PDB file of all heavy atoms in Angstrom:
ATOM      1  N   VAL A   1      86.301  94.742 106.139  1.00  0.00           N
ATOM      2  CA  VAL A   1      87.557  94.082 106.582  1.00  0.00           C
ATOM      3  C   VAL A   1      87.385  93.823 108.131  1.00  0.00           C
ATOM      4  O   VAL A   1      87.800  92.711 108.512  1.00  0.00           O
ATOM      5  CB  VAL A   1      88.769  94.992 106.300  1.00  0.00           C
ATOM      6  CG1 VAL A   1      90.047  94.453 106.948  1.00  0.00           C
ATOM      7  CG2 VAL A   1      88.927  95.096 104.770  1.00  0.00           C
ATOM      8  N   GLN A   2      86.849  94.720 108.911  1.00  0.00           N
ATOM      9  CA  GLN A   2      86.776  94.543 110.269  1.00  0.00           C
ATOM     10  C   GLN A   2      85.902  93.298 110.586  1.00  0.00           C
ATOM     11  O   GLN A   2      86.188  92.372 111.470  1.00  0.00           O
ATOM     12  CB  GLN A   2      86.221  95.765 111.004  1.00  0.00           C
ATOM     13  CG  GLN A   2      85.910  95.618 112.448  1.00  0.00           C
ATOM     14  CD  GLN A   2      87.134  95.439 113.251  1.00  0.00           C
ATOM     15  OE1 GLN A   2      88.197  95.917 112.920  1.00  0.00           O
ATOM     16  NE2 GLN A   2      86.972  94.773 114.439  1.00  0.00           N
ATOM     17  N   ALA A   3      84.759  93.175 109.865  1.00  0.00           N
ATOM     18  CA  ALA A   3      83.850  92.109 110.097  1.00  0.00           C
ATOM     19  C   ALA A   3      84.389  90.745 109.607  1.00  0.00           C
ATOM     20  O   ALA A   3      84.117  89.695 110.131  1.00  0.00           O
ATOM     21  CB  ALA A   3      82.488  92.403 109.427  1.00  0.00           C
ATOM     22  N   ALA A   4      85.282  90.753 108.701  1.00  0.00           N
ATOM     23  CA  ALA A   4      85.772  89.544 108.013  1.00  0.00           C
ATOM     24  C   ALA A   4      87.231  89.210 108.510  1.00  0.00           C
ATOM     25  O   ALA A   4      87.913  88.414 107.962  1.00  0.00           O
ATOM     26  CB  ALA A   4      85.838  89.736 106.460  1.00  0.00           C
ATOM     27  N   SER A   5      87.614  89.916 109.607  1.00  0.00           N
ATOM     28  CA  SER A   5      88.976  89.647 110.169  1.00  0.00           C
ATOM     29  C   SER A   5      88.954  88.631 111.251  1.00  0.00           C
ATOM     30  O   SER A   5      87.983  88.459 111.950  1.00  0.00           O
ATOM     31  CB  SER A   5      89.549  90.959 110.708  1.00  0.00           C
ATOM     32  OG  SER A   5      89.838  91.900 109.735  1.00  0.00           O
ATOM     33  N   GLY A   6      90.014  87.873 111.306  1.00  0.00           N
ATOM     34  CA  GLY A   6      90.125  86.717 112.255  1.00  0.00           C
ATOM     35  C   GLY A   6      89.784  87.031 113.594  1.00  0.00           C
ATOM     36  O   GLY A   6      89.106  86.272 114.333  1.00  0.00           O
ATOM     37  N   GLY A   7      90.325  88.147 114.122  1.00  0.00           N
ATOM     38  CA  GLY A   7      90.082  88.517 115.544  1.00  0.00           C
ATOM     39  C   GLY A   7      88.614  88.696 115.860  1.00  0.00           C
ATOM     40  O   GLY A   7      88.149  88.229 116.937  1.00  0.00           O
ATOM     41  N   SER A   8      87.845  89.204 114.972  1.00  0.00           N
ATOM     42  CA  SER A   8      86.409  89.325 115.273  1.00  0.00           C
ATOM     43  C   SER A   8      85.679  88.016 115.017  1.00  0.00           C
ATOM     44  O   SER A   8      84.767  87.690 115.857  1.00  0.00           O
ATOM     45  CB  SER A   8      85.769  90.303 114.213  1.00  0.00           C
ATOM     46  OG  SER A   8      86.279  91.633 114.351  1.00  0.00           O
ATOM     47  N   LEU A   9      86.214  87.204 114.157  1.00  0.00           N
ATOM     48  CA  LEU A   9      85.490  85.904 113.863  1.00  0.00           C
ATOM     49  C   LEU A   9      85.735  84.912 114.906  1.00  0.00           C
ATOM     50  O   LEU A   9      84.762  84.211 115.359  1.00  0.00           O
ATOM     51  CB  LEU A   9      86.091  85.290 112.541  1.00  0.00           C
ATOM     52  CG  LEU A   9      85.753  86.227 111.311  1.00  0.00           C
ATOM     53  CD1 LEU A   9      86.536  85.856 110.147  1.00  0.00           C
ATOM     54  CD2 LEU A   9      84.287  86.104 110.940  1.00  0.00           C
ATOM     55  N   TYR A  10      86.950  84.710 115.464  1.00  0.00           N
ATOM     56  CA  TYR A  10      87.142  83.702 116.436  1.00  0.00           C
ATOM     57  C   TYR A  10      86.484  84.087 117.825  1.00  0.00           C
ATOM     58  O   TYR A  10      86.216  83.241 118.628  1.00  0.00           O
ATOM     59  CB  TYR A  10      88.551  83.171 116.615  1.00  0.00           C
ATOM     60  CG  TYR A  10      89.531  84.100 117.401  1.00  0.00           C
ATOM     61  CD1 TYR A  10      89.492  84.236 118.737  1.00  0.00           C
ATOM     62  CD2 TYR A  10      90.497  84.883 116.702  1.00  0.00           C
ATOM     63  CE1 TYR A  10      90.338  84.949 119.489  1.00  0.00           C
ATOM     64  CE2 TYR A  10      91.393  85.707 117.395  1.00  0.00           C
ATOM     65  CZ  TYR A  10      91.344  85.742 118.718  1.00  0.00           C
ATOM     66  OH  TYR A  10      92.196  86.484 119.523  1.00  0.00           O
ATOM     67  N   ARG A  11      86.257  85.469 118.000  1.00  0.00           N
ATOM     68  CA  ARG A  11      85.595  85.838 119.180  1.00  0.00           C
ATOM     69  C   ARG A  11      84.048  85.845 119.024  1.00  0.00           C
ATOM     70  O   ARG A  11      83.377  86.195 119.848  1.00  0.00           O
ATOM     71  CB  ARG A  11      86.021  87.243 119.495  1.00  0.00           C
ATOM     72  CG  ARG A  11      87.499  87.444 119.916  1.00  0.00           C
ATOM     73  CD  ARG A  11      87.940  88.769 120.428  1.00  0.00           C
ATOM     74  NE  ARG A  11      89.276  88.943 120.792  1.00  0.00           N
ATOM     75  CZ  ARG A  11      90.207  89.353 120.034  1.00  0.00           C
ATOM     76  NH1 ARG A  11      89.920  89.693 118.719  1.00  0.00           N
ATOM     77  NH2 ARG A  11      91.437  89.458 120.393  1.00  0.00           N
ATOM     78  N   LYS A  12      83.620  85.440 117.900  1.00  0.00           N
ATOM     79  CA  LYS A  12      82.206  85.437 117.528  1.00  0.00           C
ATOM     80  C   LYS A  12      81.578  86.809 117.707  1.00  0.00           C
ATOM     81  O   LYS A  12      80.480  86.967 118.112  1.00  0.00           O
ATOM     82  CB  LYS A  12      81.383  84.415 118.390  1.00  0.00           C
ATOM     83  CG  LYS A  12      82.001  83.030 118.480  1.00  0.00           C
ATOM     84  CD  LYS A  12      81.777  82.376 117.086  1.00  0.00           C
ATOM     85  CE  LYS A  12      82.209  80.912 117.059  1.00  0.00           C
ATOM     86  NZ  LYS A  12      82.128  80.270 115.724  1.00  0.00           N
ATOM     87  N   ALA A  13      82.345  87.821 117.256  1.00  0.00           N
ATOM     88  CA  ALA A  13      81.935  89.226 117.347  1.00  0.00           C
ATOM     89  C   ALA A  13      81.763  89.820 116.000  1.00  0.00           C
ATOM     90  O   ALA A  13      82.063  91.013 115.820  1.00  0.00           O
ATOM     91  CB  ALA A  13      82.997  89.997 118.158  1.00  0.00           C
ATOM     92  N   SER A  14      81.261  89.088 115.000  1.00  0.00           N
ATOM     93  CA  SER A  14      80.997  89.514 113.745  1.00  0.00           C
ATOM     94  C   SER A  14      79.793  88.887 113.126  1.00  0.00           C
ATOM     95  O   SER A  14      79.490  87.769 113.320  1.00  0.00           O
ATOM     96  CB  SER A  14      82.300  89.248 112.841  1.00  0.00           C
ATOM     97  OG  SER A  14      82.011  89.514 111.474  1.00  0.00           O
ATOM     98  N   PHE A  15      79.100  89.711 112.322  1.00  0.00           N
ATOM     99  CA  PHE A  15      77.901  89.175 111.635  1.00  0.00           C
ATOM    100  C   PHE A  15      78.306  88.232 110.450  1.00  0.00           C
ATOM    101  O   PHE A  15      77.446  87.675 109.798  1.00  0.00           O
ATOM    102  CB  PHE A  15      77.046  90.324 111.141  1.00  0.00           C
ATOM    103  CG  PHE A  15      77.658  91.162 110.102  1.00  0.00           C
ATOM    104  CD1 PHE A  15      77.459  90.988 108.723  1.00  0.00           C
ATOM    105  CD2 PHE A  15      78.425  92.303 110.428  1.00  0.00           C
ATOM    106  CE1 PHE A  15      77.967  91.775 107.765  1.00  0.00           C
ATOM    107  CE2 PHE A  15      79.000  93.088 109.543  1.00  0.00           C
ATOM    108  CZ  PHE A  15      78.763  92.885 108.188  1.00  0.00           C
ATOM    109  N   LEU A  16      79.634  88.253 110.112  1.00  0.00           N
ATOM    110  CA  LEU A  16      80.174  87.326 109.072  1.00  0.00           C
ATOM    111  C   LEU A  16      80.683  86.000 109.495  1.00  0.00           C
ATOM    112  O   LEU A  16      81.366  85.330 108.690  1.00  0.00           O
ATOM    113  CB  LEU A  16      81.188  88.138 108.196  1.00  0.00           C
ATOM    114  CG  LEU A  16      80.698  89.338 107.436  1.00  0.00           C
ATOM    115  CD1 LEU A  16      81.874  90.002 106.656  1.00  0.00           C
ATOM    116  CD2 LEU A  16      79.611  88.962 106.429  1.00  0.00           C
ATOM    117  N   VAL A  17      80.486  85.580 110.727  1.00  0.00           N
ATOM    118  CA  VAL A  17      80.922  84.288 111.214  1.00  0.00           C
ATOM    119  C   VAL A  17      80.243  83.285 110.360  1.00  0.00           C
ATOM    120  O   VAL A  17      79.107  83.301 109.968  1.00  0.00           O
ATOM    121  CB  VAL A  17      80.478  84.101 112.763  1.00  0.00           C
ATOM    122  CG1 VAL A  17      80.669  82.644 113.184  1.00  0.00           C
ATOM    123  CG2 VAL A  17      81.296  85.060 113.605  1.00  0.00           C
ATOM    124  N   ASP A  18      81.101  82.239 109.925  1.00  0.00           N
ATOM    125  CA  ASP A  18      80.621  81.199 109.162  1.00  0.00           C
ATOM    126  C   ASP A  18      80.035  81.545 107.877  1.00  0.00           C
ATOM    127  O   ASP A  18      78.936  80.973 107.474  1.00  0.00           O
ATOM    128  CB  ASP A  18      79.672  80.212 109.968  1.00  0.00           C
ATOM    129  CG  ASP A  18      80.292  79.612 111.195  1.00  0.00           C
ATOM    130  OD1 ASP A  18      81.463  79.294 111.178  1.00  0.00           O
ATOM    131  OD2 ASP A  18      79.519  79.499 112.229  1.00  0.00           O
ATOM    132  N   SER A  19      80.596  82.516 107.189  1.00  0.00           N
ATOM    133  CA  SER A  19      80.026  83.025 105.963  1.00  0.00           C
ATOM    134  C   SER A  19      80.758  82.638 104.683  1.00  0.00           C
ATOM    135  O   SER A  19      80.443  83.112 103.609  1.00  0.00           O
ATOM    136  CB  SER A  19      79.944  84.541 105.984  1.00  0.00           C
ATOM    137  OG  SER A  19      78.977  84.970 106.981  1.00  0.00           O
ATOM    138  N   ILE A  20      81.861  81.832 104.834  1.00  0.00           N
ATOM    139  CA  ILE A  20      82.632  81.432 103.683  1.00  0.00           C
ATOM    140  C   ILE A  20      81.603  80.718 102.616  1.00  0.00           C
ATOM    141  O   ILE A  20      80.964  79.790 103.039  1.00  0.00           O
ATOM    142  CB  ILE A  20      83.830  80.541 103.984  1.00  0.00           C
ATOM    143  CG1 ILE A  20      84.847  81.322 104.826  1.00  0.00           C
ATOM    144  CG2 ILE A  20      84.426  80.014 102.761  1.00  0.00           C
ATOM    145  CD1 ILE A  20      85.523  82.393 104.019  1.00  0.00           C
ATOM    146  N   GLY A  21      81.738  81.169 101.413  1.00  0.00           N
ATOM    147  CA  GLY A  21      80.911  80.563 100.351  1.00  0.00           C
ATOM    148  C   GLY A  21      79.510  81.101 100.280  1.00  0.00           C
ATOM    149  O   GLY A  21      78.754  80.681  99.395  1.00  0.00           O
ATOM    150  N   LYS A  22      79.172  81.975 101.197  1.00  0.00           N
ATOM    151  CA  LYS A  22      77.792  82.475 101.248  1.00  0.00           C
ATOM    152  C   LYS A  22      77.699  83.884 100.575  1.00  0.00           C
ATOM    153  O   LYS A  22      78.763  84.629 100.476  1.00  0.00           O
ATOM    154  CB  LYS A  22      77.261  82.666 102.665  1.00  0.00           C
ATOM    155  CG  LYS A  22      77.119  81.239 103.351  1.00  0.00           C
ATOM    156  CD  LYS A  22      76.644  81.424 104.788  1.00  0.00           C
ATOM    157  CE  LYS A  22      76.582  80.176 105.525  1.00  0.00           C
ATOM    158  NZ  LYS A  22      76.122  80.319 106.866  1.00  0.00           N
ATOM    159  N   ALA A  23      76.582  84.264 100.047  1.00  0.00           N
ATOM    160  CA  ALA A  23      76.407  85.562  99.449  1.00  0.00           C
ATOM    161  C   ALA A  23      76.307  86.610 100.504  1.00  0.00           C
ATOM    162  O   ALA A  23      75.509  86.565 101.381  1.00  0.00           O
ATOM    163  CB  ALA A  23      75.107  85.681  98.575  1.00  0.00           C
ATOM    164  N   VAL A  24      77.309  87.598 100.505  1.00  0.00           N
ATOM    165  CA  VAL A  24      77.281  88.575 101.515  1.00  0.00           C
ATOM    166  C   VAL A  24      77.267  90.113 100.824  1.00  0.00           C
ATOM    167  O   VAL A  24      77.048  91.059 101.476  1.00  0.00           O
ATOM    168  CB  VAL A  24      78.587  88.556 102.314  1.00  0.00           C
ATOM    169  CG1 VAL A  24      78.564  87.304 103.183  1.00  0.00           C
ATOM    170  CG2 VAL A  24      79.853  88.689 101.533  1.00  0.00           C
ATOM    171  N   PHE A  25      77.508  90.106  99.562  1.00  0.00           N
ATOM    172  CA  PHE A  25      77.261  91.383  98.742  1.00  0.00           C
ATOM    173  C   PHE A  25      76.355  91.100  97.571  1.00  0.00           C
ATOM    174  O   PHE A  25      75.964  89.946  97.253  1.00  0.00           O
ATOM    175  CB  PHE A  25      78.604  91.725  98.135  1.00  0.00           C
ATOM    176  CG  PHE A  25      79.464  92.534  99.113  1.00  0.00           C
ATOM    177  CD1 PHE A  25      80.320  91.819  99.965  1.00  0.00           C
ATOM    178  CD2 PHE A  25      79.519  93.847  99.147  1.00  0.00           C
ATOM    179  CE1 PHE A  25      81.139  92.480 100.873  1.00  0.00           C
ATOM    180  CE2 PHE A  25      80.293  94.605 100.036  1.00  0.00           C
ATOM    181  CZ  PHE A  25      81.146  93.866 100.877  1.00  0.00           C
ATOM    182  N   ALA A  26      75.946  92.117  96.924  1.00  0.00           N
ATOM    183  CA  ALA A  26      75.136  91.912  95.689  1.00  0.00           C
ATOM    184  C   ALA A  26      75.942  91.154  94.696  1.00  0.00           C
ATOM    185  O   ALA A  26      77.171  91.168  94.678  1.00  0.00           O
ATOM    186  CB  ALA A  26      74.864  93.396  95.141  1.00  0.00           C
ATOM    187  N   ARG A  27      75.277  90.468  93.874  1.00  0.00           N
ATOM    188  CA  ARG A  27      75.926  89.525  92.969  1.00  0.00           C
ATOM    189  C   ARG A  27      76.931  90.189  92.001  1.00  0.00           C
ATOM    190  O   ARG A  27      77.852  89.467  91.551  1.00  0.00           O
ATOM    191  CB  ARG A  27      74.861  88.769  92.155  1.00  0.00           C
ATOM    192  CG  ARG A  27      75.390  87.576  91.334  1.00  0.00           C
ATOM    193  CD  ARG A  27      74.275  86.758  90.733  1.00  0.00           C
ATOM    194  NE  ARG A  27      74.826  85.601  89.997  1.00  0.00           N
ATOM    195  CZ  ARG A  27      74.084  84.686  89.378  1.00  0.00           C
ATOM    196  NH1 ARG A  27      72.727  84.830  89.460  1.00  0.00           N
ATOM    197  NH2 ARG A  27      74.659  83.698  88.752  1.00  0.00           N
ATOM    198  N   HIS A  28      76.709  91.415  91.655  1.00  0.00           N
ATOM    199  CA  HIS A  28      77.620  92.016  90.676  1.00  0.00           C
ATOM    200  C   HIS A  28      78.970  92.584  91.381  1.00  0.00           C
ATOM    201  O   HIS A  28      79.801  93.116  90.751  1.00  0.00           O
ATOM    202  CB  HIS A  28      76.843  93.232  90.003  1.00  0.00           C
ATOM    203  CG  HIS A  28      76.432  94.279  90.983  1.00  0.00           C
ATOM    204  ND1 HIS A  28      77.176  95.462  91.203  1.00  0.00           N
ATOM    205  CD2 HIS A  28      75.340  94.424  91.647  1.00  0.00           C
ATOM    206  CE1 HIS A  28      76.564  96.161  92.074  1.00  0.00           C
ATOM    207  NE2 HIS A  28      75.378  95.607  92.392  1.00  0.00           N
ATOM    208  N   ILE A  29      79.015  92.394  92.705  1.00  0.00           N
ATOM    209  CA  ILE A  29      80.160  92.917  93.492  1.00  0.00           C
ATOM    210  C   ILE A  29      81.231  91.853  93.664  1.00  0.00           C
ATOM    211  O   ILE A  29      80.986  90.743  94.052  1.00  0.00           O
ATOM    212  CB  ILE A  29      79.761  93.500  94.839  1.00  0.00           C
ATOM    213  CG1 ILE A  29      78.770  94.559  94.640  1.00  0.00           C
ATOM    214  CG2 ILE A  29      80.938  93.794  95.709  1.00  0.00           C
ATOM    215  CD1 ILE A  29      79.419  95.830  93.951  1.00  0.00           C
ATOM    216  N   SER A  30      82.519  92.220  93.395  1.00  0.00           N
ATOM    217  CA  SER A  30      83.668  91.486  93.708  1.00  0.00           C
ATOM    218  C   SER A  30      84.702  92.401  94.432  1.00  0.00           C
ATOM    219  O   SER A  30      84.720  93.609  94.179  1.00  0.00           O
ATOM    220  CB  SER A  30      84.340  90.877  92.454  1.00  0.00           C
ATOM    221  OG  SER A  30      83.486  89.876  91.935  1.00  0.00           O
ATOM    222  N   ILE A  31      85.435  91.760  95.356  1.00  0.00           N
ATOM    223  CA  ILE A  31      86.496  92.587  96.066  1.00  0.00           C
ATOM    224  C   ILE A  31      87.851  91.895  95.917  1.00  0.00           C
ATOM    225  O   ILE A  31      87.970  90.731  96.301  1.00  0.00           O
ATOM    226  CB  ILE A  31      86.065  92.713  97.549  1.00  0.00           C
ATOM    227  CG1 ILE A  31      84.765  93.520  97.679  1.00  0.00           C
ATOM    228  CG2 ILE A  31      87.159  93.466  98.283  1.00  0.00           C
ATOM    229  CD1 ILE A  31      84.289  93.601  99.137  1.00  0.00           C
ATOM    230  N   GLU A  32      88.764  92.587  95.334  1.00  0.00           N
ATOM    231  CA  GLU A  32      90.030  92.065  94.963  1.00  0.00           C
ATOM    232  C   GLU A  32      91.145  92.572  95.964  1.00  0.00           C
ATOM    233  O   GLU A  32      91.062  93.764  96.376  1.00  0.00           O
ATOM    234  CB  GLU A  32      90.456  92.492  93.610  1.00  0.00           C
ATOM    235  CG  GLU A  32      91.829  91.957  93.188  1.00  0.00           C
ATOM    236  CD  GLU A  32      92.193  92.511  91.788  1.00  0.00           C
ATOM    237  OE1 GLU A  32      91.512  93.483  91.283  1.00  0.00           O
ATOM    238  OE2 GLU A  32      93.188  92.043  91.207  1.00  0.00           O
ATOM    239  N   GLU A  33      92.008  91.653  96.423  1.00  0.00           N
ATOM    240  CA  GLU A  33      93.150  92.077  97.217  1.00  0.00           C
ATOM    241  C   GLU A  33      94.459  91.724  96.501  1.00  0.00           C
ATOM    242  O   GLU A  33      94.574  90.541  95.998  1.00  0.00           O
ATOM    243  CB  GLU A  33      93.140  91.297  98.582  1.00  0.00           C
ATOM    244  CG  GLU A  33      94.244  91.791  99.441  1.00  0.00           C
ATOM    245  CD  GLU A  33      94.263  91.090 100.865  1.00  0.00           C
ATOM    246  OE1 GLU A  33      93.824  89.945 100.956  1.00  0.00           O
ATOM    247  OE2 GLU A  33      94.627  91.821 101.911  1.00  0.00           O
ATOM    248  N   ASP A  34      95.360  92.640  96.444  1.00  0.00           N
ATOM    249  CA  ASP A  34      96.639  92.409  95.716  1.00  0.00           C
ATOM    250  C   ASP A  34      97.746  93.157  96.565  1.00  0.00           C
ATOM    251  O   ASP A  34      97.998  94.305  96.393  1.00  0.00           O
ATOM    252  CB  ASP A  34      96.602  92.899  94.302  1.00  0.00           C
ATOM    253  CG  ASP A  34      97.838  92.591  93.571  1.00  0.00           C
ATOM    254  OD1 ASP A  34      98.814  92.006  94.099  1.00  0.00           O
ATOM    255  OD2 ASP A  34      97.859  92.892  92.315  1.00  0.00           O
ATOM    256  N   PRO A  35      98.525  92.367  97.321  1.00  0.00           N
ATOM    257  CA  PRO A  35      99.494  92.982  98.103  1.00  0.00           C
ATOM    258  C   PRO A  35     100.798  93.451  97.269  1.00  0.00           C
ATOM    259  O   PRO A  35     101.648  94.069  97.812  1.00  0.00           O
ATOM    260  CB  PRO A  35     100.016  91.888  99.050  1.00  0.00           C
ATOM    261  CG  PRO A  35      98.908  90.777  98.915  1.00  0.00           C
ATOM    262  CD  PRO A  35      98.355  90.964  97.531  1.00  0.00           C
ATOM    263  N   TYR A  36     100.826  93.081  95.969  1.00  0.00           N
ATOM    264  CA  TYR A  36     102.115  93.201  95.236  1.00  0.00           C
ATOM    265  C   TYR A  36     102.041  94.203  94.203  1.00  0.00           C
ATOM    266  O   TYR A  36     102.790  94.224  93.247  1.00  0.00           O
ATOM    267  CB  TYR A  36     102.400  91.887  94.563  1.00  0.00           C
ATOM    268  CG  TYR A  36     102.465  90.683  95.599  1.00  0.00           C
ATOM    269  CD1 TYR A  36     101.697  89.615  95.632  1.00  0.00           C
ATOM    270  CD2 TYR A  36     103.425  90.774  96.701  1.00  0.00           C
ATOM    271  CE1 TYR A  36     101.650  88.557  96.549  1.00  0.00           C
ATOM    272  CE2 TYR A  36     103.476  89.747  97.712  1.00  0.00           C
ATOM    273  CZ  TYR A  36     102.592  88.730  97.556  1.00  0.00           C
ATOM    274  OH  TYR A  36     102.690  87.659  98.530  1.00  0.00           O
ATOM    275  N   LEU A  37     101.111  95.238  94.287  1.00  0.00           N
ATOM    276  CA  LEU A  37     101.142  96.327  93.362  1.00  0.00           C
ATOM    277  C   LEU A  37     102.345  97.171  93.526  1.00  0.00           C
ATOM    278  O   LEU A  37     102.618  97.687  94.610  1.00  0.00           O
ATOM    279  CB  LEU A  37      99.888  97.181  93.493  1.00  0.00           C
ATOM    280  CG  LEU A  37      98.535  96.551  93.185  1.00  0.00           C
ATOM    281  CD1 LEU A  37      97.384  97.567  93.473  1.00  0.00           C
ATOM    282  CD2 LEU A  37      98.474  96.122  91.782  1.00  0.00           C
ATOM    283  N   VAL A  38     103.151  97.419  92.455  1.00  0.00           N
ATOM    284  CA  VAL A  38     104.243  98.274  92.507  1.00  0.00           C
ATOM    285  C   VAL A  38     103.878  99.705  92.859  1.00  0.00           C
ATOM    286  O   VAL A  38     102.868 100.272  92.313  1.00  0.00           O
ATOM    287  CB  VAL A  38     105.013  98.251  91.147  1.00  0.00           C
ATOM    288  CG1 VAL A  38     106.169  99.313  91.154  1.00  0.00           C
ATOM    289  CG2 VAL A  38     105.521  96.888  90.856  1.00  0.00           C
ATOM    290  N   HIS A  39     104.548 100.279  93.797  1.00  0.00           N
ATOM    291  CA  HIS A  39     104.249 101.587  94.334  1.00  0.00           C
ATOM    292  C   HIS A  39     102.898 101.678  95.153  1.00  0.00           C
ATOM    293  O   HIS A  39     102.455 102.774  95.649  1.00  0.00           O
ATOM    294  CB  HIS A  39     104.059 102.661  93.301  1.00  0.00           C
ATOM    295  CG  HIS A  39     105.354 102.887  92.466  1.00  0.00           C
ATOM    296  ND1 HIS A  39     105.327 103.512  91.229  1.00  0.00           N
ATOM    297  CD2 HIS A  39     106.583 102.500  92.616  1.00  0.00           C
ATOM    298  CE1 HIS A  39     106.544 103.520  90.651  1.00  0.00           C
ATOM    299  NE2 HIS A  39     107.319 102.934  91.558  1.00  0.00           N
ATOM    300  N   GLY A  40     102.123 100.576  95.282  1.00  0.00           N
ATOM    301  CA  GLY A  40     100.881 100.619  95.914  1.00  0.00           C
ATOM    302  C   GLY A  40     100.843 101.246  97.312  1.00  0.00           C
ATOM    303  O   GLY A  40     101.760 100.837  98.146  1.00  0.00           O
ATOM    304  N   ALA A  41      99.887 101.990  97.715  1.00  0.00           N
ATOM    305  CA  ALA A  41      99.784 102.524  98.966  1.00  0.00           C
ATOM    306  C   ALA A  41      99.629 101.453 100.010  1.00  0.00           C
ATOM    307  O   ALA A  41     100.019 101.664 101.140  1.00  0.00           O
ATOM    308  CB  ALA A  41      98.626 103.546  99.018  1.00  0.00           C
ATOM    309  N   GLY A  42      98.901 100.385  99.702  1.00  0.00           N
ATOM    310  CA  GLY A  42      98.749  99.249 100.612  1.00  0.00           C
ATOM    311  C   GLY A  42      99.577  98.023 100.290  1.00  0.00           C
ATOM    312  O   GLY A  42      99.100  96.910 100.518  1.00  0.00           O
ATOM    313  N   SER A  43     100.672  98.232  99.703  1.00  0.00           N
ATOM    314  CA  SER A  43     101.556  97.028  99.176  1.00  0.00           C
ATOM    315  C   SER A  43     102.506  96.689 100.178  1.00  0.00           C
ATOM    316  O   SER A  43     103.043  97.465 100.974  1.00  0.00           O
ATOM    317  CB  SER A  43     102.278  97.458  97.883  1.00  0.00           C
ATOM    318  OG  SER A  43     101.365  97.561  96.837  1.00  0.00           O
TER     319      SER A  43
END
């Protein structure tokens, strides 16, 4: 998250700059974000 956050990216302080659409994890990996989980700790 730190590497893929806007503050790091626009300062060019991340190894993930310009990485949209590129492979950054093993192919079997997906990362899901859902702000709307009922009772969720991170909702």
